[in-house]
Structures are given as C-alpha cells and as structure tokens.
C-alpha cells in the first residue's frame, strides 16, 4: 500500500485534520481527504460541527489572557499563601 495514494481517513485521523483545519494548519490534500470522509461518517460530521461551534463561541467571547508578569506575581502570592497555611 506504500506505492498507492491513501485516500481514506480513519475517524481519529479525520478529527486530527479537522483540528488542524480549524487553526489553518491543514494542507489542501488533508482537507480533501477530510471532506471525503465527512461524506460517509456521521460521527465525524458531528465532531466537525461541534468544533466549529466551539471556535465561534471562543472568538465571540473575546477572552483576554493575563500577561506573564501578572501570572508570575499570582504564582508567588499563591506559593507564599500555601507556605503560610498551617497543616493540621
């Protein structure tokens, strides 16, 4: 099978390509194979739909992450509080 073109994806491979596609990392050939797989696989169609829904929800949420300095400060404060807490 090494000299033949592998056209069909297994479900776990299809889900991986779906994830890559979501972040614009899938190649054209991977996208073609994914779309062929989605034609006959209901479970992967549902996974793809849910994946797209999750991505849209996260984009709409406009989540802001803490900067590195703030995270380090919080970590130091937490470590200090843990050390100061008496163990029963």
PDB file of N, CA and C in Angstrom:
ATOM      1  N   UNK A   1       0.813  -1.189   0.000  1.00  0.00           N
ATOM      2  CA  UNK A   1       0.000   0.000   0.000  1.00  0.00           C
ATOM      3  C   UNK A   1       0.860   1.257   0.000  1.00  0.00           C
ATOM      4  N   UNK A   2       2.154   1.121   0.188  1.00  0.00           N
ATOM      5  CA  UNK A   2       3.027   2.284   0.246  1.00  0.00           C
ATOM      6  C   UNK A   2       3.118   3.006  -1.090  1.00  0.00           C
ATOM      7  N   UNK A   3       2.943   2.291  -2.206  1.00  0.00           N
ATOM      8  CA  UNK A   3       3.029   2.940  -3.512  1.00  0.00           C
ATOM      9  C   UNK A   3       1.679   3.476  -3.987  1.00  0.00           C
ATOM     10  N   UNK A   4       0.612   3.212  -3.244  1.00  0.00           N
ATOM     11  CA  UNK A   4      -0.714   3.721  -3.594  1.00  0.00           C
ATOM     12  C   UNK A   4      -1.018   4.970  -2.762  1.00  0.00           C
ATOM     13  N   UNK A   5      -1.861   5.815  -3.296  1.00  0.00           N
ATOM     14  CA  UNK A   5      -2.274   7.016  -2.577  1.00  0.00           C
ATOM     15  C   UNK A   5      -3.318   6.624  -1.542  1.00  0.00           C
ATOM     16  N   UNK A   6      -3.067   6.994  -0.297  1.00  0.00           N
ATOM     17  CA  UNK A   6      -4.009   6.697   0.776  1.00  0.00           C
ATOM     18  C   UNK A   6      -5.092   7.767   0.761  1.00  0.00           C
ATOM     19  N   UNK A   7      -6.283   7.377   0.390  1.00  0.00           N
ATOM     20  CA  UNK A   7      -7.375   8.328   0.214  1.00  0.00           C
ATOM     21  C   UNK A   7      -8.307   8.379   1.421  1.00  0.00           C
ATOM     22  N   UNK A   8      -8.513   7.256   2.065  1.00  0.00           N
ATOM     23  CA  UNK A   8      -9.481   7.185   3.153  1.00  0.00           C
ATOM     24  C   UNK A   8      -8.807   7.437   4.497  1.00  0.00           C
ATOM     25  N   UNK A   9      -9.483   8.211   5.333  1.00  0.00           N
ATOM     26  CA  UNK A   9      -9.004   8.503   6.670  1.00  0.00           C
ATOM     27  C   UNK A   9      -9.763   7.678   7.695  1.00  0.00           C
ATOM     28  N   UNK A  10      -9.104   7.315   8.778  1.00  0.00           N
ATOM     29  CA  UNK A  10      -9.786   6.744   9.928  1.00  0.00           C
ATOM     30  C   UNK A  10     -10.369   7.919  10.697  1.00  0.00           C
ATOM     31  N   UNK A  11     -11.330   7.635  11.565  1.00  0.00           N
ATOM     32  CA  UNK A  11     -12.002   8.713  12.292  1.00  0.00           C
ATOM     33  C   UNK A  11     -11.036   9.540  13.138  1.00  0.00           C
ATOM     34  N   UNK A  12     -10.103   8.884  13.826  1.00  0.00           N
ATOM     35  CA  UNK A  12      -9.177   9.662  14.648  1.00  0.00           C
ATOM     36  C   UNK A  12      -8.294  10.565  13.786  1.00  0.00           C
ATOM     37  N   UNK A  13      -7.927  10.103  12.595  1.00  0.00           N
ATOM     38  CA  UNK A  13      -7.155  10.933  11.674  1.00  0.00           C
ATOM     39  C   UNK A  13      -8.003  12.095  11.160  1.00  0.00           C
ATOM     40  N   UNK A  14      -9.266  11.820  10.867  1.00  0.00           N
ATOM     41  CA  UNK A  14     -10.177  12.856  10.386  1.00  0.00           C
ATOM     42  C   UNK A  14     -10.364  13.940  11.447  1.00  0.00           C
ATOM     43  N   UNK A  15     -10.496  13.523  12.701  1.00  0.00           N
ATOM     44  CA  UNK A  15     -10.652  14.501  13.775  1.00  0.00           C
ATOM     45  C   UNK A  15      -9.387  15.348  13.930  1.00  0.00           C
ATOM     46  N   UNK A  16      -8.239  14.724  13.763  1.00  0.00           N
ATOM     47  CA  UNK A  16      -6.973  15.464  13.840  1.00  0.00           C
ATOM     48  C   UNK A  16      -6.880  16.497  12.709  1.00  0.00           C
ATOM     49  N   UNK A  17      -7.247  16.105  11.520  1.00  0.00           N
ATOM     50  CA  UNK A  17      -7.232  17.027  10.374  1.00  0.00           C
ATOM     51  C   UNK A  17      -8.252  18.146  10.589  1.00  0.00           C
ATOM     52  N   UNK A  18      -9.390  17.805  11.173  1.00  0.00           N
ATOM     53  CA  UNK A  18     -10.400  18.817  11.485  1.00  0.00           C
ATOM     54  C   UNK A  18      -9.817  19.862  12.427  1.00  0.00           C
ATOM     55  N   UNK A  19      -9.108  19.407  13.454  1.00  0.00           N
ATOM     56  CA  UNK A  19      -8.472  20.325  14.396  1.00  0.00           C
ATOM     57  C   UNK A  19      -7.424  21.185  13.694  1.00  0.00           C
ATOM     58  N   UNK A  20      -6.609  20.562  12.849  1.00  0.00           N
ATOM     59  CA  UNK A  20      -5.590  21.311  12.108  1.00  0.00           C
ATOM     60  C   UNK A  20      -6.237  22.343  11.192  1.00  0.00           C
ATOM     61  N   UNK A  21      -7.314  21.957  10.559  1.00  0.00           N
ATOM     62  CA  UNK A  21      -8.012  22.848   9.644  1.00  0.00           C
ATOM     63  C   UNK A  21      -8.575  24.060  10.385  1.00  0.00           C
ATOM     64  N   UNK A  22      -9.036  23.818  11.596  1.00  0.00           N
ATOM     65  CA  UNK A  22      -9.585  24.891  12.421  1.00  0.00           C
ATOM     66  C   UNK A  22      -8.550  25.988  12.653  1.00  0.00           C
ATOM     67  N   UNK A  23      -7.282  25.609  12.774  1.00  0.00           N
ATOM     68  CA  UNK A  23      -6.212  26.572  13.015  1.00  0.00           C
ATOM     69  C   UNK A  23      -5.417  26.895  11.756  1.00  0.00           C
ATOM     70  N   UNK A  24      -5.987  26.562  10.611  1.00  0.00           N
ATOM     71  CA  UNK A  24      -5.390  26.870   9.294  1.00  0.00           C
ATOM     72  C   UNK A  24      -4.044  26.172   9.095  1.00  0.00           C
ATOM     73  N   UNK A  25      -3.892  24.959   9.651  1.00  0.00           N
ATOM     74  CA  UNK A  25      -2.652  24.206   9.518  1.00  0.00           C
ATOM     75  C   UNK A  25      -2.786  22.974   8.619  1.00  0.00           C
ATOM     76  N   UNK A  26      -3.959  22.708   8.103  1.00  0.00           N
ATOM     77  CA  UNK A  26      -4.166  21.525   7.266  1.00  0.00           C
ATOM     78  C   UNK A  26      -3.823  21.854   5.815  1.00  0.00           C
ATOM     79  N   UNK A  27      -3.214  20.890   5.156  1.00  0.00           N
ATOM     80  CA  UNK A  27      -2.888  21.062   3.742  1.00  0.00           C
ATOM     81  C   UNK A  27      -4.146  20.868   2.893  1.00  0.00           C
ATOM     82  N   UNK A  28      -4.064  21.259   1.651  1.00  0.00           N
ATOM     83  CA  UNK A  28      -5.189  21.083   0.735  1.00  0.00           C
ATOM     84  C   UNK A  28      -5.557  19.602   0.628  1.00  0.00           C
ATOM     85  N   UNK A  29      -4.548  18.745   0.495  1.00  0.00           N
ATOM     86  CA  UNK A  29      -4.795  17.305   0.370  1.00  0.00           C
ATOM     87  C   UNK A  29      -5.491  16.760   1.616  1.00  0.00           C
ATOM     88  N   UNK A  30      -5.093  17.212   2.798  1.00  0.00           N
ATOM     89  CA  UNK A  30      -5.745  16.768   4.039  1.00  0.00           C
ATOM     90  C   UNK A  30      -7.204  17.217   4.077  1.00  0.00           C
ATOM     91  N   UNK A  31      -7.457  18.432   3.639  1.00  0.00           N
ATOM     92  CA  UNK A  31      -8.832  18.945   3.614  1.00  0.00           C
ATOM     93  C   UNK A  31      -9.694  18.144   2.650  1.00  0.00           C
ATOM     94  N   UNK A  32      -9.135  17.768   1.504  1.00  0.00           N
ATOM     95  CA  UNK A  32      -9.879  16.961   0.523  1.00  0.00           C
ATOM     96  C   UNK A  32     -10.233  15.611   1.130  1.00  0.00           C
ATOM     97  N   UNK A  33      -9.245  14.958   1.757  1.00  0.00           N
ATOM     98  CA  UNK A  33      -9.500  13.655   2.377  1.00  0.00           C
ATOM     99  C   UNK A  33     -10.514  13.778   3.511  1.00  0.00           C
ATOM    100  N   UNK A  34     -10.437  14.865   4.278  1.00  0.00           N
ATOM    101  CA  UNK A  34     -11.407  15.080   5.355  1.00  0.00           C
ATOM    102  C   UNK A  34     -12.811  15.213   4.794  1.00  0.00           C
ATOM    103  N   UNK A  35     -12.959  15.997   3.750  1.00  0.00           N
ATOM    104  CA  UNK A  35     -14.292  16.187   3.166  1.00  0.00           C
ATOM    105  C   UNK A  35     -14.848  14.887   2.603  1.00  0.00           C
ATOM    106  N   UNK A  36     -13.999  14.056   2.018  1.00  0.00           N
ATOM    107  CA  UNK A  36     -14.453  12.747   1.546  1.00  0.00           C
ATOM    108  C   UNK A  36     -14.902  11.876   2.720  1.00  0.00           C
ATOM    109  N   UNK A  37     -14.162  11.938   3.809  1.00  0.00           N
ATOM    110  CA  UNK A  37     -14.514  11.159   4.999  1.00  0.00           C
ATOM    111  C   UNK A  37     -15.850  11.640   5.574  1.00  0.00           C
ATOM    112  N   UNK A  38     -16.061  12.951   5.571  1.00  0.00           N
ATOM    113  CA  UNK A  38     -17.283  13.513   6.150  1.00  0.00           C
ATOM    114  C   UNK A  38     -18.533  13.133   5.360  1.00  0.00           C
ATOM    115  N   UNK A  39     -18.354  12.783   4.096  1.00  0.00           N
ATOM    116  CA  UNK A  39     -19.492  12.380   3.275  1.00  0.00           C
ATOM    117  C   UNK A  39     -20.185  11.154   3.863  1.00  0.00           C
ATOM    118  N   UNK A  40     -19.391  10.214   4.375  1.00  0.00           N
ATOM    119  CA  UNK A  40     -19.984   8.959   4.845  1.00  0.00           C
ATOM    120  C   UNK A  40     -19.943   8.768   6.364  1.00  0.00           C
ATOM    121  N   UNK A  41     -19.324   9.659   7.104  1.00  0.00           N
ATOM    122  CA  UNK A  41     -19.181   9.443   8.547  1.00  0.00           C
ATOM    123  C   UNK A  41     -19.977  10.478   9.348  1.00  0.00           C
ATOM    124  N   UNK A  42     -21.084  10.061   9.894  1.00  0.00           N
ATOM    125  CA  UNK A  42     -21.958  10.946  10.662  1.00  0.00           C
ATOM    126  C   UNK A  42     -21.280  11.439  11.941  1.00  0.00           C
ATOM    127  N   UNK A  43     -20.549  10.568  12.616  1.00  0.00           N
ATOM    128  CA  UNK A  43     -19.894  10.939  13.875  1.00  0.00           C
ATOM    129  C   UNK A  43     -18.868  12.053  13.646  1.00  0.00           C
ATOM    130  N   UNK A  44     -18.107  11.944  12.583  1.00  0.00           N
ATOM    131  CA  UNK A  44     -17.098  12.968  12.296  1.00  0.00           C
ATOM    132  C   UNK A  44     -17.737  14.270  11.802  1.00  0.00           C
ATOM    133  N   UNK A  45     -18.862  14.174  11.125  1.00  0.00           N
ATOM    134  CA  UNK A  45     -19.592  15.394  10.741  1.00  0.00           C
ATOM    135  C   UNK A  45     -20.035  16.132  12.003  1.00  0.00           C
ATOM    136  N   UNK A  46     -20.523  15.376  12.981  1.00  0.00           N
ATOM    137  CA  UNK A  46     -20.955  15.979  14.243  1.00  0.00           C
ATOM    138  C   UNK A  46     -19.761  16.594  14.973  1.00  0.00           C
ATOM    139  N   UNK A  47     -18.627  15.890  14.988  1.00  0.00           N
ATOM    140  CA  UNK A  47     -17.407  16.404  15.622  1.00  0.00           C
ATOM    141  C   UNK A  47     -16.994  17.715  14.964  1.00  0.00           C
ATOM    142  N   UNK A  48     -17.009  17.752  13.644  1.00  0.00           N
ATOM    143  CA  UNK A  48     -16.614  18.939  12.898  1.00  0.00           C
ATOM    144  C   UNK A  48     -17.558  20.103  13.191  1.00  0.00           C
ATOM    145  N   UNK A  49     -18.844  19.816  13.238  1.00  0.00           N
ATOM    146  CA  UNK A  49     -19.844  20.847  13.528  1.00  0.00           C
ATOM    147  C   UNK A  49     -19.638  21.409  14.935  1.00  0.00           C
ATOM    148  N   UNK A  50     -19.429  20.518  15.907  1.00  0.00           N
ATOM    149  CA  UNK A  50     -19.205  20.962  17.283  1.00  0.00           C
ATOM    150  C   UNK A  50     -17.900  21.740  17.411  1.00  0.00           C
ATOM    151  N   UNK A  51     -16.891  21.320  16.680  1.00  0.00           N
ATOM    152  CA  UNK A  51     -15.606  22.002  16.691  1.00  0.00           C
ATOM    153  C   UNK A  51     -15.760  23.437  16.173  1.00  0.00           C
ATOM    154  N   UNK A  52     -16.497  23.589  15.097  1.00  0.00           N
ATOM    155  CA  UNK A  52     -16.736  24.920  14.526  1.00  0.00           C
ATOM    156  C   UNK A  52     -17.540  25.778  15.505  1.00  0.00           C
ATOM    157  N   UNK A  53     -18.517  25.176  16.154  1.00  0.00           N
ATOM    158  CA  UNK A  53     -19.340  25.897  17.127  1.00  0.00           C
ATOM    159  C   UNK A  53     -18.476  26.383  18.297  1.00  0.00           C
ATOM    160  N   UNK A  54     -17.589  25.518  18.778  1.00  0.00           N
ATOM    161  CA  UNK A  54     -16.687  25.878  19.875  1.00  0.00           C
ATOM    162  C   UNK A  54     -15.766  27.032  19.467  1.00  0.00           C
ATOM    163  N   UNK A  55     -15.209  26.945  18.270  1.00  0.00           N
ATOM    164  CA  UNK A  55     -14.320  28.007  17.783  1.00  0.00           C
ATOM    165  C   UNK A  55     -15.048  29.337  17.715  1.00  0.00           C
ATOM    166  N   UNK A  56     -16.260  29.339  17.181  1.00  0.00           N
ATOM    167  CA  UNK A  56     -17.034  30.575  17.080  1.00  0.00           C
ATOM    168  C   UNK A  56     -17.378  31.143  18.452  1.00  0.00           C
ATOM    169  N   UNK A  57     -17.702  30.268  19.394  1.00  0.00           N
ATOM    170  CA  UNK A  57     -18.032  30.707  20.743  1.00  0.00           C
ATOM    171  C   UNK A  57     -16.824  31.360  21.407  1.00  0.00           C
ATOM    172  N   UNK A  58     -15.664  30.764  21.231  1.00  0.00           N
ATOM    173  CA  UNK A  58     -14.445  31.321  21.825  1.00  0.00           C
ATOM    174  C   UNK A  58     -14.101  32.667  21.187  1.00  0.00           C
ATOM    175  N   UNK A  59     -14.259  32.774  19.880  1.00  0.00           N
ATOM    176  CA  UNK A  59     -13.983  34.045  19.208  1.00  0.00           C
ATOM    177  C   UNK A  59     -14.923  35.139  19.695  1.00  0.00           C
ATOM    178  N   UNK A  60     -16.199  34.799  19.856  1.00  0.00           N
ATOM    179  CA  UNK A  60     -17.187  35.779  20.321  1.00  0.00           C
ATOM    180  C   UNK A  60     -16.940  36.194  21.766  1.00  0.00           C
ATOM    181  N   UNK A  61     -16.378  35.306  22.568  1.00  0.00           N
ATOM    182  CA  UNK A  61     -16.157  35.590  23.984  1.00  0.00           C
ATOM    183  C   UNK A  61     -15.114  36.679  24.193  1.00  0.00           C
ATOM    184  N   UNK A  62     -14.218  36.848  23.244  1.00  0.00           N
ATOM    185  CA  UNK A  62     -13.173  37.866  23.314  1.00  0.00           C
ATOM    186  C   UNK A  62     -12.418  37.778  24.642  1.00  0.00           C
ATOM    187  N   UNK A  63     -11.942  36.583  24.949  1.00  0.00           N
ATOM    188  CA  UNK A  63     -11.240  36.306  26.198  1.00  0.00           C
ATOM    189  C   UNK A  63      -9.869  36.979  26.184  1.00  0.00           C
ATOM    190  N   UNK A  64      -9.545  37.633  27.272  1.00  0.00           N
ATOM    191  CA  UNK A  64      -8.243  38.280  27.425  1.00  0.00           C
ATOM    192  C   UNK A  64      -7.415  37.460  28.407  1.00  0.00           C
ATOM    193  N   UNK A  65      -6.187  37.173  28.057  1.00  0.00           N
ATOM    194  CA  UNK A  65      -5.295  36.401  28.915  1.00  0.00           C
ATOM    195  C   UNK A  65      -4.420  37.344  29.740  1.00  0.00           C
ATOM    196  N   UNK A  66      -4.014  36.849  30.898  1.00  0.00           N
ATOM    197  CA  UNK A  66      -3.104  37.626  31.730  1.00  0.00           C
ATOM    198  C   UNK A  66      -1.715  37.657  31.111  1.00  0.00           C
ATOM    199  N   UNK A  67      -1.020  38.762  31.316  1.00  0.00           N
ATOM    200  CA  UNK A  67       0.348  38.813  30.821  1.00  0.00           C
ATOM    201  C   UNK A  67       1.259  38.002  31.752  1.00  0.00           C
ATOM    202  N   UNK A  68       2.462  37.753  31.303  1.00  0.00           N
ATOM    203  CA  UNK A  68       3.383  36.867  32.013  1.00  0.00           C
ATOM    204  C   UNK A  68       3.740  37.419  33.397  1.00  0.00           C
ATOM    205  N   UNK A  69       3.945  38.719  33.507  1.00  0.00           N
ATOM    206  CA  UNK A  69       4.298  39.316  34.801  1.00  0.00           C
ATOM    207  C   UNK A  69       3.186  39.116  35.825  1.00  0.00           C
ATOM    208  N   UNK A  70       1.963  39.314  35.405  1.00  0.00           N
ATOM    209  CA  UNK A  70       0.821  39.155  36.302  1.00  0.00           C
ATOM    210  C   UNK A  70       0.699  37.695  36.761  1.00  0.00           C
ATOM    211  N   UNK A  71       0.908  36.765  35.845  1.00  0.00           N
ATOM    212  CA  UNK A  71       0.847  35.341  36.197  1.00  0.00           C
ATOM    213  C   UNK A  71       1.923  34.983  37.215  1.00  0.00           C
ATOM    214  N   UNK A  72       3.141  35.500  37.007  1.00  0.00           N
ATOM    215  CA  UNK A  72       4.242  35.227  37.932  1.00  0.00           C
ATOM    216  C   UNK A  72       3.935  35.790  39.316  1.00  0.00           C
ATOM    217  N   UNK A  73       3.390  37.000  39.365  1.00  0.00           N
ATOM    218  CA  UNK A  73       3.030  37.622  40.646  1.00  0.00           C
ATOM    219  C   UNK A  73       1.988  36.784  41.369  1.00  0.00           C
ATOM    220  N   UNK A  74       0.976  36.332  40.647  1.00  0.00           N
ATOM    221  CA  UNK A  74      -0.066  35.498  41.252  1.00  0.00           C
ATOM    222  C   UNK A  74       0.513  34.188  41.768  1.00  0.00           C
ATOM    223  N   UNK A  75       1.425  33.603  41.008  1.00  0.00           N
ATOM    224  CA  UNK A  75       2.053  32.350  41.417  1.00  0.00           C
ATOM    225  C   UNK A  75       2.851  32.533  42.704  1.00  0.00           C
ATOM    226  N   UNK A  76       3.616  33.620  42.793  1.00  0.00           N
ATOM    227  CA  UNK A  76       4.392  33.895  44.008  1.00  0.00           C
ATOM    228  C   UNK A  76       3.476  34.090  45.215  1.00  0.00           C
ATOM    229  N   UNK A  77       2.386  34.831  45.014  1.00  0.00           N
ATOM    230  CA  UNK A  77       1.436  35.052  46.110  1.00  0.00           C
ATOM    231  C   UNK A  77       0.794  33.744  46.552  1.00  0.00           C
ATOM    232  N   UNK A  78       0.461  32.889  45.601  1.00  0.00           N
ATOM    233  CA  UNK A  78      -0.135  31.599  45.931  1.00  0.00           C
ATOM    234  C   UNK A  78       0.861  30.723  46.674  1.00  0.00           C
ATOM    235  N   UNK A  79       2.100  30.664  46.198  1.00  0.00           N
ATOM    236  CA  UNK A  79       3.135  29.879  46.874  1.00  0.00           C
ATOM    237  C   UNK A  79       3.335  30.380  48.304  1.00  0.00           C
ATOM    238  N   UNK A  80       3.353  31.687  48.492  1.00  0.00           N
ATOM    239  CA  UNK A  80       3.522  32.271  49.815  1.00  0.00           C
ATOM    240  C   UNK A  80       2.364  31.876  50.722  1.00  0.00           C
ATOM    241  N   UNK A  81       1.128  31.972  50.187  1.00  0.00           N
ATOM    242  CA  UNK A  81      -0.052  31.632  50.981  1.00  0.00           C
ATOM    243  C   UNK A  81      -0.046  30.142  51.357  1.00  0.00           C
ATOM    244  N   UNK A  82       0.413  29.310  50.467  1.00  0.00           N
ATOM    245  CA  UNK A  82       0.478  27.873  50.758  1.00  0.00           C
ATOM    246  C   UNK A  82       1.489  27.604  51.867  1.00  0.00           C
ATOM    247  N   UNK A  83       2.624  28.263  51.831  1.00  0.00           N
ATOM    248  CA  UNK A  83       3.658  28.080  52.863  1.00  0.00           C
ATOM    249  C   UNK A  83       3.189  28.570  54.220  1.00  0.00           C
ATOM    250  N   UNK A  84       2.408  29.645  54.227  1.00  0.00           N
ATOM    251  CA  UNK A  84       1.932  30.225  55.487  1.00  0.00           C
ATOM    252  C   UNK A  84       0.748  29.487  56.090  1.00  0.00           C
ATOM    253  N   UNK A  85       0.084  28.664  55.321  1.00  0.00           N
ATOM    254  CA  UNK A  85      -1.088  27.941  55.802  1.00  0.00           C
ATOM    255  C   UNK A  85      -0.643  26.765  56.666  1.00  0.00           C
ATOM    256  N   UNK A  86      -1.122  26.733  57.930  1.00  0.00           N
ATOM    257  CA  UNK A  86      -0.731  25.621  58.799  1.00  0.00           C
ATOM    258  C   UNK A  86      -1.380  24.304  58.348  1.00  0.00           C
ATOM    259  N   UNK A  87      -0.614  23.234  58.486  1.00  0.00           N
ATOM    260  CA  UNK A  87      -1.117  21.902  58.143  1.00  0.00           C
ATOM    261  C   UNK A  87      -1.616  21.244  59.427  1.00  0.00           C
ATOM    262  N   UNK A  88      -2.830  20.744  59.410  1.00  0.00           N
ATOM    263  CA  UNK A  88      -3.417  20.094  60.589  1.00  0.00           C
ATOM    264  C   UNK A  88      -2.976  18.685  60.736  1.00  0.00           C
TER     265      UNK A  88
END
